[in-house]
Amino acid sequence: MLPRSQRQEERASTRSRVRGQRHMASLKIKLVKSLSGRLESHVATAKSLGLTRIGNETVQPDNPQTRGKIALIGYLVSVTEE
């Protein structure tokens, strides 16, 4: 059996993992084509990601919502993982 202090440390490290306090992956998204003349929904999606002008970059969390937005406007943006 482990000494009391080691058991407490082990429980604390397990608790932090369970609560989701781990590093989350992120995506760097850059607008490479103009929004002019695009579908209104595609322009709104780009703006929801914080992209308004050519060359704008934003860092977003790598989650299904962000991936869905990128799938919709993938022809307008370039994506790199961080």
PDB file of N, CA and C in Angstrom:
ATOM      1  N   MET A   1       0.832  -1.173   0.000  1.00  0.00           N
ATOM      2  CA  MET A   1       0.000   0.000   0.000  1.00  0.00           C
ATOM      3  C   MET A   1       0.883   1.245   0.000  1.00  0.00           C
ATOM      4  N   LEU A   2       0.465   2.249  -0.776  1.00  0.00           N
ATOM      5  CA  LEU A   2       1.216   3.495  -0.891  1.00  0.00           C
ATOM      6  C   LEU A   2       1.032   4.358   0.352  1.00  0.00           C
ATOM      7  N   PRO A   3       2.045   5.166   0.672  1.00  0.00           N
ATOM      8  CA  PRO A   3       1.882   6.118   1.765  1.00  0.00           C
ATOM      9  C   PRO A   3       0.762   7.113   1.435  1.00  0.00           C
ATOM     10  N   ARG A   4       0.210   7.697   2.459  1.00  0.00           N
ATOM     11  CA  ARG A   4      -0.947   8.574   2.317  1.00  0.00           C
ATOM     12  C   ARG A   4      -0.692   9.735   1.348  1.00  0.00           C
ATOM     13  N   SER A   5       0.466  10.372   1.425  1.00  0.00           N
ATOM     14  CA  SER A   5       0.758  11.526   0.565  1.00  0.00           C
ATOM     15  C   SER A   5       0.779  11.127  -0.913  1.00  0.00           C
ATOM     16  N   GLN A   6       1.317   9.954  -1.223  1.00  0.00           N
ATOM     17  CA  GLN A   6       1.350   9.500  -2.614  1.00  0.00           C
ATOM     18  C   GLN A   6      -0.051   9.167  -3.120  1.00  0.00           C
ATOM     19  N   ARG A   7      -0.883   8.601  -2.260  1.00  0.00           N
ATOM     20  CA  ARG A   7      -2.262   8.294  -2.667  1.00  0.00           C
ATOM     21  C   ARG A   7      -3.016   9.577  -2.975  1.00  0.00           C
ATOM     22  N   GLN A   8      -2.806  10.613  -2.153  1.00  0.00           N
ATOM     23  CA  GLN A   8      -3.485  11.888  -2.380  1.00  0.00           C
ATOM     24  C   GLN A   8      -3.042  12.519  -3.698  1.00  0.00           C
ATOM     25  N   GLU A   9      -1.746  12.464  -3.987  1.00  0.00           N
ATOM     26  CA  GLU A   9      -1.240  13.016  -5.245  1.00  0.00           C
ATOM     27  C   GLU A   9      -1.824  12.268  -6.435  1.00  0.00           C
ATOM     28  N   GLU A  10      -1.903  10.956  -6.314  1.00  0.00           N
ATOM     29  CA  GLU A  10      -2.439  10.137  -7.395  1.00  0.00           C
ATOM     30  C   GLU A  10      -3.908  10.473  -7.652  1.00  0.00           C
ATOM     31  N   ARG A  11      -4.669  10.631  -6.577  1.00  0.00           N
ATOM     32  CA  ARG A  11      -6.083  10.985  -6.729  1.00  0.00           C
ATOM     33  C   ARG A  11      -6.233  12.364  -7.349  1.00  0.00           C
ATOM     34  N   ALA A  12      -5.404  13.303  -6.951  1.00  0.00           N
ATOM     35  CA  ALA A  12      -5.484  14.665  -7.482  1.00  0.00           C
ATOM     36  C   ALA A  12      -5.185  14.683  -8.977  1.00  0.00           C
ATOM     37  N   SER A  13      -4.182  13.931  -9.404  1.00  0.00           N
ATOM     38  CA  SER A  13      -3.858  13.912 -10.831  1.00  0.00           C
ATOM     39  C   SER A  13      -4.966  13.235 -11.630  1.00  0.00           C
ATOM     40  N   THR A  14      -5.593  12.221 -11.070  1.00  0.00           N
ATOM     41  CA  THR A  14      -6.709  11.557 -11.739  1.00  0.00           C
ATOM     42  C   THR A  14      -7.896  12.499 -11.835  1.00  0.00           C
ATOM     43  N   ARG A  15      -8.171  13.246 -10.781  1.00  0.00           N
ATOM     44  CA  ARG A  15      -9.285  14.186 -10.778  1.00  0.00           C
ATOM     45  C   ARG A  15      -9.133  15.234 -11.870  1.00  0.00           C
ATOM     46  N   SER A  16      -7.929  15.761 -12.040  1.00  0.00           N
ATOM     47  CA  SER A  16      -7.738  16.798 -13.057  1.00  0.00           C
ATOM     48  C   SER A  16      -7.942  16.238 -14.460  1.00  0.00           C
ATOM     49  N   ARG A  17      -7.571  14.986 -14.697  1.00  0.00           N
ATOM     50  CA  ARG A  17      -7.809  14.376 -16.004  1.00  0.00           C
ATOM     51  C   ARG A  17      -9.290  14.159 -16.234  1.00  0.00           C
ATOM     52  N   VAL A  18     -10.011  13.742 -15.201  1.00  0.00           N
ATOM     53  CA  VAL A  18     -11.434  13.475 -15.322  1.00  0.00           C
ATOM     54  C   VAL A  18     -12.200  14.760 -15.602  1.00  0.00           C
ATOM     55  N   ARG A  19     -11.815  15.851 -15.005  1.00  0.00           N
ATOM     56  CA  ARG A  19     -12.513  17.125 -15.190  1.00  0.00           C
ATOM     57  C   ARG A  19     -12.236  17.753 -16.546  1.00  0.00           C
ATOM     58  N   GLY A  20     -11.386  17.154 -17.348  1.00  0.00           N
ATOM     59  CA  GLY A  20     -11.125  17.669 -18.683  1.00  0.00           C
ATOM     60  C   GLY A  20     -10.110  18.788 -18.731  1.00  0.00           C
ATOM     61  N   GLN A  21      -9.227  18.859 -17.782  1.00  0.00           N
ATOM     62  CA  GLN A  21      -8.230  19.917 -17.758  1.00  0.00           C
ATOM     63  C   GLN A  21      -6.978  19.466 -18.492  1.00  0.00           C
ATOM     64  N   ARG A  22      -7.163  19.071 -19.739  1.00  0.00           N
ATOM     65  CA  ARG A  22      -6.015  18.663 -20.537  1.00  0.00           C
ATOM     66  C   ARG A  22      -5.933  19.583 -21.753  1.00  0.00           C
ATOM     67  N   HIS A  23      -4.810  19.583 -22.409  1.00  0.00           N
ATOM     68  CA  HIS A  23      -4.604  20.458 -23.560  1.00  0.00           C
ATOM     69  C   HIS A  23      -5.514  20.036 -24.706  1.00  0.00           C
ATOM     70  N   MET A  24      -6.231  21.005 -25.242  1.00  0.00           N
ATOM     71  CA  MET A  24      -7.129  20.733 -26.348  1.00  0.00           C
ATOM     72  C   MET A  24      -6.464  21.170 -27.647  1.00  0.00           C
ATOM     73  N   ALA A  25      -6.608  20.365 -28.684  1.00  0.00           N
ATOM     74  CA  ALA A  25      -6.026  20.708 -29.978  1.00  0.00           C
ATOM     75  C   ALA A  25      -6.732  21.932 -30.548  1.00  0.00           C
ATOM     76  N   SER A  26      -6.018  22.661 -31.388  1.00  0.00           N
ATOM     77  CA  SER A  26      -6.625  23.838 -32.000  1.00  0.00           C
ATOM     78  C   SER A  26      -6.276  23.886 -33.484  1.00  0.00           C
ATOM     79  N   LEU A  27      -7.058  24.647 -34.224  1.00  0.00           N
ATOM     80  CA  LEU A  27      -6.887  24.794 -35.660  1.00  0.00           C
ATOM     81  C   LEU A  27      -6.643  26.261 -35.989  1.00  0.00           C
ATOM     82  N   LYS A  28      -5.666  26.513 -36.845  1.00  0.00           N
ATOM     83  CA  LYS A  28      -5.432  27.870 -37.336  1.00  0.00           C
ATOM     84  C   LYS A  28      -6.097  27.951 -38.707  1.00  0.00           C
ATOM     85  N   ILE A  29      -7.056  28.863 -38.833  1.00  0.00           N
ATOM     86  CA  ILE A  29      -7.844  28.991 -40.052  1.00  0.00           C
ATOM     87  C   ILE A  29      -7.543  30.343 -40.683  1.00  0.00           C
ATOM     88  N   LYS A  30      -7.263  30.339 -41.993  1.00  0.00           N
ATOM     89  CA  LYS A  30      -6.930  31.573 -42.702  1.00  0.00           C
ATOM     90  C   LYS A  30      -7.845  31.715 -43.910  1.00  0.00           C
ATOM     91  N   LEU A  31      -8.438  32.888 -44.073  1.00  0.00           N
ATOM     92  CA  LEU A  31      -9.285  33.169 -45.228  1.00  0.00           C
ATOM     93  C   LEU A  31      -8.384  33.488 -46.420  1.00  0.00           C
ATOM     94  N   VAL A  32      -8.465  32.682 -47.484  1.00  0.00           N
ATOM     95  CA  VAL A  32      -7.582  32.869 -48.637  1.00  0.00           C
ATOM     96  C   VAL A  32      -8.331  33.341 -49.884  1.00  0.00           C
ATOM     97  N   LYS A  33      -9.652  33.272 -49.880  1.00  0.00           N
ATOM     98  CA  LYS A  33     -10.449  33.763 -51.008  1.00  0.00           C
ATOM     99  C   LYS A  33     -11.486  34.755 -50.496  1.00  0.00           C
ATOM    100  N   SER A  34     -11.919  35.624 -51.377  1.00  0.00           N
ATOM    101  CA  SER A  34     -12.856  36.685 -51.015  1.00  0.00           C
ATOM    102  C   SER A  34     -14.246  36.144 -50.691  1.00  0.00           C
ATOM    103  N   LEU A  35     -14.947  36.858 -49.819  1.00  0.00           N
ATOM    104  CA  LEU A  35     -16.331  36.519 -49.480  1.00  0.00           C
ATOM    105  C   LEU A  35     -17.313  37.187 -50.437  1.00  0.00           C
ATOM    106  N   SER A  36     -16.818  38.062 -51.274  1.00  0.00           N
ATOM    107  CA  SER A  36     -17.663  38.786 -52.215  1.00  0.00           C
ATOM    108  C   SER A  36     -18.320  37.826 -53.211  1.00  0.00           C
ATOM    109  N   GLY A  37     -19.636  37.929 -53.340  1.00  0.00           N
ATOM    110  CA  GLY A  37     -20.370  37.104 -54.294  1.00  0.00           C
ATOM    111  C   GLY A  37     -20.662  35.695 -53.821  1.00  0.00           C
ATOM    112  N   ARG A  38     -20.342  35.377 -52.594  1.00  0.00           N
ATOM    113  CA  ARG A  38     -20.585  34.028 -52.055  1.00  0.00           C
ATOM    114  C   ARG A  38     -21.986  33.936 -51.476  1.00  0.00           C
ATOM    115  N   LEU A  39     -22.431  32.723 -51.232  1.00  0.00           N
ATOM    116  CA  LEU A  39     -23.732  32.517 -50.603  1.00  0.00           C
ATOM    117  C   LEU A  39     -23.761  33.205 -49.240  1.00  0.00           C
ATOM    118  N   GLU A  40     -24.906  33.741 -48.906  1.00  0.00           N
ATOM    119  CA  GLU A  40     -25.064  34.461 -47.641  1.00  0.00           C
ATOM    120  C   GLU A  40     -24.727  33.570 -46.444  1.00  0.00           C
ATOM    121  N   SER A  41     -25.117  32.303 -46.524  1.00  0.00           N
ATOM    122  CA  SER A  41     -24.837  31.385 -45.411  1.00  0.00           C
ATOM    123  C   SER A  41     -23.340  31.121 -45.269  1.00  0.00           C
ATOM    124  N   HIS A  42     -22.607  31.110 -46.391  1.00  0.00           N
ATOM    125  CA  HIS A  42     -21.167  30.888 -46.332  1.00  0.00           C
ATOM    126  C   HIS A  42     -20.462  32.108 -45.745  1.00  0.00           C
ATOM    127  N   VAL A  43     -20.934  33.293 -46.093  1.00  0.00           N
ATOM    128  CA  VAL A  43     -20.371  34.527 -45.534  1.00  0.00           C
ATOM    129  C   VAL A  43     -20.615  34.561 -44.026  1.00  0.00           C
ATOM    130  N   ALA A  44     -21.822  34.183 -43.613  1.00  0.00           N
ATOM    131  CA  ALA A  44     -22.153  34.167 -42.181  1.00  0.00           C
ATOM    132  C   ALA A  44     -21.290  33.156 -41.433  1.00  0.00           C
ATOM    133  N   THR A  45     -21.031  32.013 -42.054  1.00  0.00           N
ATOM    134  CA  THR A  45     -20.182  30.993 -41.427  1.00  0.00           C
ATOM    135  C   THR A  45     -18.762  31.516 -41.256  1.00  0.00           C
ATOM    136  N   ALA A  46     -18.230  32.165 -42.282  1.00  0.00           N
ATOM    137  CA  ALA A  46     -16.879  32.730 -42.194  1.00  0.00           C
ATOM    138  C   ALA A  46     -16.809  33.777 -41.086  1.00  0.00           C
ATOM    139  N   LYS A  47     -17.823  34.621 -41.005  1.00  0.00           N
ATOM    140  CA  LYS A  47     -17.836  35.655 -39.966  1.00  0.00           C
ATOM    141  C   LYS A  47     -17.960  35.046 -38.575  1.00  0.00           C
ATOM    142  N   SER A  48     -18.673  33.920 -38.462  1.00  0.00           N
ATOM    143  CA  SER A  48     -18.789  33.266 -37.153  1.00  0.00           C
ATOM    144  C   SER A  48     -17.446  32.705 -36.687  1.00  0.00           C
ATOM    145  N   LEU A  49     -16.557  32.448 -37.642  1.00  0.00           N
ATOM    146  CA  LEU A  49     -15.203  32.003 -37.304  1.00  0.00           C
ATOM    147  C   LEU A  49     -14.257  33.186 -37.090  1.00  0.00           C
ATOM    148  N   GLY A  50     -14.751  34.401 -37.292  1.00  0.00           N
ATOM    149  CA  GLY A  50     -13.921  35.588 -37.099  1.00  0.00           C
ATOM    150  C   GLY A  50     -13.146  35.985 -38.334  1.00  0.00           C
ATOM    151  N   LEU A  51     -13.574  35.522 -39.503  1.00  0.00           N
ATOM    152  CA  LEU A  51     -12.886  35.816 -40.755  1.00  0.00           C
ATOM    153  C   LEU A  51     -13.713  36.809 -41.562  1.00  0.00           C
ATOM    154  N   THR A  52     -13.172  38.001 -41.792  1.00  0.00           N
ATOM    155  CA  THR A  52     -13.916  39.024 -42.525  1.00  0.00           C
ATOM    156  C   THR A  52     -13.180  39.510 -43.770  1.00  0.00           C
ATOM    157  N   ARG A  53     -11.866  39.421 -43.786  1.00  0.00           N
ATOM    158  CA  ARG A  53     -11.074  39.898 -44.919  1.00  0.00           C
ATOM    159  C   ARG A  53     -10.075  38.828 -45.341  1.00  0.00           C
ATOM    160  N   ILE A  54      -9.655  38.902 -46.587  1.00  0.00           N
ATOM    161  CA  ILE A  54      -8.635  37.981 -47.075  1.00  0.00           C
ATOM    162  C   ILE A  54      -7.379  38.174 -46.227  1.00  0.00           C
ATOM    163  N   GLY A  55      -6.803  37.079 -45.798  1.00  0.00           N
ATOM    164  CA  GLY A  55      -5.597  37.135 -44.975  1.00  0.00           C
ATOM    165  C   GLY A  55      -5.865  37.068 -43.486  1.00  0.00           C
ATOM    166  N   ASN A  56      -7.118  37.235 -43.067  1.00  0.00           N
ATOM    167  CA  ASN A  56      -7.448  37.104 -41.642  1.00  0.00           C
ATOM    168  C   ASN A  56      -7.167  35.684 -41.176  1.00  0.00           C
ATOM    169  N   GLU A  57      -6.597  35.568 -39.994  1.00  0.00           N
ATOM    170  CA  GLU A  57      -6.351  34.262 -39.380  1.00  0.00           C
ATOM    171  C   GLU A  57      -7.021  34.224 -38.021  1.00  0.00           C
ATOM    172  N   THR A  58      -7.456  33.043 -37.640  1.00  0.00           N
ATOM    173  CA  THR A  58      -8.045  32.851 -36.322  1.00  0.00           C
ATOM    174  C   THR A  58      -7.681  31.462 -35.828  1.00  0.00           C
ATOM    175  N   VAL A  59      -7.625  31.313 -34.526  1.00  0.00           N
ATOM    176  CA  VAL A  59      -7.365  30.008 -33.917  1.00  0.00           C
ATOM    177  C   VAL A  59      -8.649  29.564 -33.239  1.00  0.00           C
ATOM    178  N   GLN A  60      -9.120  28.384 -33.610  1.00  0.00           N
ATOM    179  CA  GLN A  60     -10.371  27.841 -33.094  1.00  0.00           C
ATOM    180  C   GLN A  60     -10.108  26.468 -32.492  1.00  0.00           C
ATOM    181  N   PRO A  61     -10.932  26.036 -31.543  1.00  0.00           N
ATOM    182  CA  PRO A  61     -10.770  24.693 -30.981  1.00  0.00           C
ATOM    183  C   PRO A  61     -11.109  23.633 -32.023  1.00  0.00           C
ATOM    184  N   ASP A  62     -10.418  22.512 -31.934  1.00  0.00           N
ATOM    185  CA  ASP A  62     -10.670  21.407 -32.864  1.00  0.00           C
ATOM    186  C   ASP A  62     -11.819  20.580 -32.306  1.00  0.00           C
ATOM    187  N   ASN A  63     -13.037  20.885 -32.736  1.00  0.00           N
ATOM    188  CA  ASN A  63     -14.213  20.155 -32.285  1.00  0.00           C
ATOM    189  C   ASN A  63     -15.160  19.965 -33.470  1.00  0.00           C
ATOM    190  N   PRO A  64     -16.194  19.157 -33.317  1.00  0.00           N
ATOM    191  CA  PRO A  64     -17.094  18.889 -34.448  1.00  0.00           C
ATOM    192  C   PRO A  64     -17.764  20.144 -35.020  1.00  0.00           C
ATOM    193  N   GLN A  65     -18.074  21.122 -34.177  1.00  0.00           N
ATOM    194  CA  GLN A  65     -18.714  22.341 -34.668  1.00  0.00           C
ATOM    195  C   GLN A  65     -17.781  23.098 -35.616  1.00  0.00           C
ATOM    196  N   THR A  66     -16.536  23.253 -35.211  1.00  0.00           N
ATOM    197  CA  THR A  66     -15.573  23.961 -36.048  1.00  0.00           C
ATOM    198  C   THR A  66     -15.298  23.180 -37.323  1.00  0.00           C
ATOM    199  N   ARG A  67     -15.159  21.861 -37.211  1.00  0.00           N
ATOM    200  CA  ARG A  67     -14.914  21.025 -38.396  1.00  0.00           C
ATOM    201  C   ARG A  67     -16.068  21.127 -39.396  1.00  0.00           C
ATOM    202  N   GLY A  68     -17.298  21.208 -38.898  1.00  0.00           N
ATOM    203  CA  GLY A  68     -18.456  21.354 -39.774  1.00  0.00           C
ATOM    204  C   GLY A  68     -18.435  22.672 -40.528  1.00  0.00           C
ATOM    205  N   LYS A  69     -18.057  23.737 -39.842  1.00  0.00           N
ATOM    206  CA  LYS A  69     -17.967  25.047 -40.484  1.00  0.00           C
ATOM    207  C   LYS A  69     -16.883  25.041 -41.558  1.00  0.00           C
ATOM    208  N   ILE A  70     -15.760  24.401 -41.247  1.00  0.00           N
ATOM    209  CA  ILE A  70     -14.668  24.322 -42.216  1.00  0.00           C
ATOM    210  C   ILE A  70     -15.098  23.502 -43.429  1.00  0.00           C
ATOM    211  N   ALA A  71     -15.860  22.439 -43.207  1.00  0.00           N
ATOM    212  CA  ALA A  71     -16.344  21.618 -44.319  1.00  0.00           C
ATOM    213  C   ALA A  71     -17.233  22.440 -45.248  1.00  0.00           C
ATOM    214  N   LEU A  72     -18.015  23.349 -44.682  1.00  0.00           N
ATOM    215  CA  LEU A  72     -18.923  24.174 -45.477  1.00  0.00           C
ATOM    216  C   LEU A  72     -18.164  25.199 -46.320  1.00  0.00           C
ATOM    217  N   ILE A  73     -17.168  25.837 -45.743  1.00  0.00           N
ATOM    218  CA  ILE A  73     -16.450  26.899 -46.465  1.00  0.00           C
ATOM    219  C   ILE A  73     -15.000  26.507 -46.747  1.00  0.00           C
ATOM    220  N   GLY A  74     -14.743  25.242 -46.885  1.00  0.00           N
ATOM    221  CA  GLY A  74     -13.388  24.753 -47.114  1.00  0.00           C
ATOM    222  C   GLY A  74     -12.727  25.307 -48.361  1.00  0.00           C
ATOM    223  N   TYR A  75     -13.531  25.675 -49.351  1.00  0.00           N
ATOM    224  CA  TYR A  75     -12.979  26.226 -50.591  1.00  0.00           C
ATOM    225  C   TYR A  75     -12.520  27.679 -50.430  1.00  0.00           C
ATOM    226  N   LEU A  76     -12.817  28.293 -49.287  1.00  0.00           N
ATOM    227  CA  LEU A  76     -12.431  29.684 -49.034  1.00  0.00           C
ATOM    228  C   LEU A  76     -11.262  29.816 -48.063  1.00  0.00           C
ATOM    229  N   VAL A  77     -10.951  28.752 -47.336  1.00  0.00           N
ATOM    230  CA  VAL A  77      -9.986  28.849 -46.241  1.00  0.00           C
ATOM    231  C   VAL A  77      -8.870  27.824 -46.379  1.00  0.00           C
ATOM    232  N   SER A  78      -7.778  28.087 -45.658  1.00  0.00           N
ATOM    233  CA  SER A  78      -6.729  27.084 -45.476  1.00  0.00           C
ATOM    234  C   SER A  78      -6.652  26.801 -43.980  1.00  0.00           C
ATOM    235  N   VAL A  79      -6.391  25.548 -43.648  1.00  0.00           N
ATOM    236  CA  VAL A  79      -6.418  25.122 -42.248  1.00  0.00           C
ATOM    237  C   VAL A  79      -5.116  24.416 -41.906  1.00  0.00           C
ATOM    238  N   THR A  80      -4.542  24.774 -40.754  1.00  0.00           N
ATOM    239  CA  THR A  80      -3.382  24.062 -40.223  1.00  0.00           C
ATOM    240  C   THR A  80      -3.663  23.710 -38.773  1.00  0.00           C
ATOM    241  N   GLU A  81      -3.169  22.556 -38.352  1.00  0.00           N
ATOM    242  CA  GLU A  81      -3.354  22.127 -36.963  1.00  0.00           C
ATOM    243  C   GLU A  81      -2.212  22.660 -36.124  1.00  0.00           C
ATOM    244  N   GLU A  82      -2.553  23.082 -34.912  1.00  0.00           N
ATOM    245  CA  GLU A  82      -1.530  23.569 -33.976  1.00  0.00           C
ATOM    246  C   GLU A  82      -1.335  22.578 -32.870  1.00  0.00           C
TER     247      GLU A  82
END
